[in-house]
N, C-alpha and C. Protein backbone atom coordinates (compact mmCIF):
# COMPACT_ATOMS: atom_id res chain seq x y z
N UNK A 1 -15.14 5.30 -10.28
CA UNK A 1 -15.29 4.43 -9.45
C UNK A 1 -14.37 3.24 -9.29
N UNK A 2 -14.08 2.61 -8.35
CA UNK A 2 -13.03 1.55 -8.23
C UNK A 2 -13.56 0.30 -7.66
N UNK A 3 -13.57 -0.70 -8.33
CA UNK A 3 -14.20 -1.79 -7.34
C UNK A 3 -13.28 -2.32 -6.66
N UNK A 4 -11.90 -2.12 -6.26
CA UNK A 4 -10.83 -2.52 -5.61
C UNK A 4 -11.20 -2.19 -4.27
N UNK A 5 -10.95 -2.93 -3.18
CA UNK A 5 -10.97 -2.53 -1.98
C UNK A 5 -10.19 -1.62 -1.53
N UNK A 6 -10.57 -0.55 -0.31
CA UNK A 6 -9.58 0.40 -0.18
C UNK A 6 -8.12 0.33 0.10
N UNK A 7 -8.18 -0.96 0.99
CA UNK A 7 -6.76 -1.40 1.38
C UNK A 7 -5.99 -1.85 -0.03
N UNK A 8 -6.63 -2.61 -0.82
CA UNK A 8 -5.88 -2.92 -1.86
C UNK A 8 -5.52 -1.56 -2.83
N UNK A 9 -6.45 -0.78 -3.02
CA UNK A 9 -6.22 0.48 -3.84
C UNK A 9 -5.06 1.44 -3.12
N UNK A 10 -5.08 1.11 -1.83
CA UNK A 10 -3.97 2.25 -1.26
C UNK A 10 -2.53 1.10 -1.61
N UNK A 11 -2.82 -0.14 -1.28
CA UNK A 11 -1.34 -0.73 -1.69
C UNK A 11 -0.77 -0.42 -3.17
N UNK A 12 -1.89 -0.68 -3.90
CA UNK A 12 -1.50 -0.63 -5.46
C UNK A 12 -0.77 0.70 -5.65
N UNK A 13 -1.66 1.88 -5.23
CA UNK A 13 -0.68 3.33 -5.21
C UNK A 13 0.63 3.24 -4.59
N UNK A 14 0.62 2.82 -3.35
CA UNK A 14 1.99 3.09 -2.61
C UNK A 14 2.73 2.48 -3.46
N UNK A 15 2.42 0.95 -4.26
CA UNK A 15 3.64 0.38 -4.87
C UNK A 15 3.94 1.07 -6.14
N UNK A 16 2.95 1.66 -6.83
CA UNK A 16 2.94 2.42 -7.75
C UNK A 16 4.06 3.67 -7.80
N UNK A 17 3.68 4.13 -6.85
CA UNK A 17 4.47 5.89 -6.53
C UNK A 17 5.69 5.65 -5.63
N UNK A 18 5.84 4.51 -4.52
CA UNK A 18 6.84 4.33 -3.67
C UNK A 18 6.75 5.17 -2.40
N UNK A 19 5.63 5.85 -2.18
CA UNK A 19 5.80 6.90 -0.84
C UNK A 19 3.79 6.75 -0.36
N UNK A 20 3.99 6.66 0.95
CA UNK A 20 2.95 7.01 1.44
C UNK A 20 2.13 8.15 1.16
N UNK A 21 3.22 9.00 1.54
CA UNK A 21 3.08 10.65 1.24
C UNK A 21 2.14 10.74 -0.22
N UNK A 22 2.99 10.49 -1.00
CA UNK A 22 2.62 10.45 -2.81
C UNK A 22 1.12 9.76 -2.82
N UNK A 23 1.16 8.27 -2.28
CA UNK A 23 -0.08 7.88 -2.57
C UNK A 23 -1.49 8.74 -1.78
N UNK A 24 -1.26 8.49 -0.65
CA UNK A 24 -2.48 9.51 0.15
C UNK A 24 -2.87 10.61 -0.38
N UNK A 25 -1.77 11.33 -1.23
CA UNK A 25 -2.38 12.71 -1.80
C UNK A 25 -3.57 12.36 -3.25
N UNK A 26 -3.07 11.40 -3.51
CA UNK A 26 -3.70 10.80 -5.01
C UNK A 26 -5.16 10.28 -4.56
N UNK A 27 -5.12 9.55 -3.26
CA UNK A 27 -6.18 8.67 -2.99
C UNK A 27 -7.04 9.76 -2.19
N UNK A 28 -6.65 11.10 -2.14
CA UNK A 28 -7.20 12.09 -0.79
C UNK A 28 -7.72 11.51 0.18
N UNK A 29 -6.65 10.90 0.80
CA UNK A 29 -6.72 10.62 2.51
C UNK A 29 -5.64 11.03 3.08
N UNK A 30 -5.29 10.88 4.48
CA UNK A 30 -4.26 10.98 5.08
C UNK A 30 -3.30 10.15 5.02
N UNK A 31 -1.90 10.52 5.53
CA UNK A 31 -1.07 9.59 5.43
C UNK A 31 -1.22 8.55 6.68
N UNK A 32 -1.57 9.19 7.31
CA UNK A 32 -1.98 8.06 8.46
C UNK A 32 -3.05 7.16 8.34
N UNK A 33 -4.33 7.69 7.87
CA UNK A 33 -5.04 6.93 7.05
C UNK A 33 -4.51 5.50 6.19
N UNK A 34 -3.43 6.09 5.41
CA UNK A 34 -2.86 5.06 4.34
C UNK A 34 -2.21 4.13 5.17
N UNK A 35 -1.33 4.63 5.98
CA UNK A 35 -0.75 3.49 6.71
C UNK A 35 -1.41 2.45 7.60
N UNK A 36 -2.55 3.18 8.10
CA UNK A 36 -3.39 2.16 8.56
C UNK A 36 -4.05 1.40 8.10
N UNK A 37 -4.62 1.47 6.67
CA UNK A 37 -4.94 0.33 5.68
C UNK A 37 -3.76 -0.31 5.30
N UNK A 38 -2.56 0.00 5.12
CA UNK A 38 -1.43 -1.08 4.75
C UNK A 38 -1.43 -1.95 5.94
N UNK A 39 -1.41 -1.66 7.09
CA UNK A 39 -1.08 -2.36 8.04
C UNK A 39 -2.63 -3.08 8.56
N UNK A 40 -3.52 -2.97 8.13
CA UNK A 40 -4.50 -3.79 8.39
C UNK A 40 -4.47 -4.84 7.14
N UNK A 41 -4.13 -4.40 6.21
CA UNK A 41 -4.00 -5.59 4.92
C UNK A 41 -3.02 -6.45 5.25
N UNK A 42 -1.85 -6.24 5.77
CA UNK A 42 -1.02 -6.83 6.13
C UNK A 42 -1.12 -7.80 7.48
N UNK A 43 -1.91 -7.50 7.99
CA UNK A 43 -2.45 -8.17 9.52
C UNK A 43 -3.43 -9.19 8.89
N UNK A 44 -4.63 -8.59 7.65
CA UNK A 44 -5.30 -9.61 7.05
C UNK A 44 -4.84 -11.04 6.59
N UNK A 45 -4.01 -10.64 5.83
CA UNK A 45 -3.04 -11.60 4.73
C UNK A 45 -1.92 -12.01 5.88
N UNK A 46 -1.64 -11.56 6.97
CA UNK A 46 -0.19 -12.20 7.74
C UNK A 46 0.87 -12.09 6.67
N UNK A 47 1.15 -11.30 6.21
CA UNK A 47 2.32 -10.76 5.38
C UNK A 47 2.84 -9.70 5.40
N UNK A 48 4.19 -9.23 5.53
CA UNK A 48 4.60 -8.14 5.51
C UNK A 48 4.67 -7.84 3.73
N UNK A 49 4.03 -6.49 3.39
CA UNK A 49 4.06 -6.09 1.76
C UNK A 49 5.02 -5.28 1.57
N UNK A 50 5.76 -4.19 2.58
CA UNK A 50 6.52 -3.52 2.02
C UNK A 50 7.56 -3.32 3.06
N UNK A 51 9.02 -2.98 2.08
CA UNK A 51 10.33 -2.91 2.87
C UNK A 51 10.18 -1.27 3.38
N UNK A 52 10.26 -1.03 4.48
CA UNK A 52 10.11 0.72 4.57
C UNK A 52 11.43 1.21 5.05
N UNK A 53 11.77 2.40 4.39
CA UNK A 53 12.87 2.80 4.75
C UNK A 53 12.40 4.66 4.57
N UNK A 54 13.48 5.34 4.91
CA UNK A 54 13.35 6.77 4.86
C UNK A 54 13.16 7.29 3.87
N UNK A 55 13.69 6.49 2.83
CA UNK A 55 13.45 7.28 1.33
C UNK A 55 12.20 6.89 0.49
N UNK A 56 11.42 5.91 1.20
CA UNK A 56 10.10 5.54 0.58
C UNK A 56 9.89 3.69 0.76
N UNK A 57 9.17 3.23 0.24
CA UNK A 57 8.49 2.25 0.06
C UNK A 57 8.71 1.23 -0.96
N UNK A 58 9.68 -0.11 -0.56
CA UNK A 58 9.63 -1.11 -1.68
C UNK A 58 9.10 -2.52 -1.19
N UNK A 59 8.38 -2.92 -2.42
CA UNK A 59 7.89 -4.14 -2.36
C UNK A 59 8.56 -5.08 -1.88
N UNK A 60 7.85 -6.19 -0.89
CA UNK A 60 8.75 -7.36 -0.36
C UNK A 60 8.49 -8.47 -1.20
N UNK A 61 8.81 -9.50 -1.35
CA UNK A 61 8.42 -10.78 -2.31
C UNK A 61 6.95 -10.51 -2.27
N UNK A 62 6.58 -10.99 -0.74
CA UNK A 62 4.76 -10.91 -0.72
C UNK A 62 4.45 -10.01 -1.52
N UNK A 63 4.68 -8.66 -1.20
CA UNK A 63 4.16 -7.52 -1.91
C UNK A 63 4.14 -7.44 -3.73
N UNK A 64 5.33 -8.07 -3.99
CA UNK A 64 5.47 -8.43 -5.51
C UNK A 64 4.42 -9.45 -5.96
N UNK A 65 4.03 -10.30 -5.08
CA UNK A 65 3.14 -11.76 -5.42
C UNK A 65 1.86 -10.71 -5.44
N UNK A 66 1.18 -9.97 -4.54
CA UNK A 66 0.20 -9.62 -4.34
C UNK A 66 -0.13 -8.55 -5.39
N UNK A 67 0.76 -7.78 -5.94
CA UNK A 67 0.65 -6.51 -6.87
C UNK A 67 0.16 -7.18 -8.27
N UNK A 68 0.94 -8.77 -8.58
CA UNK A 68 0.28 -9.00 -9.84
C UNK A 68 -1.40 -9.41 -9.80
N UNK A 69 -1.92 -9.58 -8.75
CA UNK A 69 -3.33 -9.63 -8.87
C UNK A 69 -4.08 -8.29 -8.53
N UNK A 70 -3.60 -7.08 -8.46
CA UNK A 70 -4.23 -5.82 -8.46
C UNK A 70 -4.64 -5.45 -9.77
C-alpha cells in the first residue's frame, strides 16, 4: 500500500523508469491513464514536469525539484 497520491506515484515511476509505457506496466494502468495523471498533476501545479521525446521522458527543472519531495 502506498500513501502517495496516484498522480505522484505515476510521476515517480515515470521519472525512475524514463517511459510512460514502463511505468504504466509497473502501476498496472494503461498508458493513457498514466499520461492523464501526469497532465492533471502538471495542470494542478502549473508546471511542466517532463521533457518528452520519442525515446522517453526526461525530468524538467521543475520535475527534478518535485522528485526530491517524493
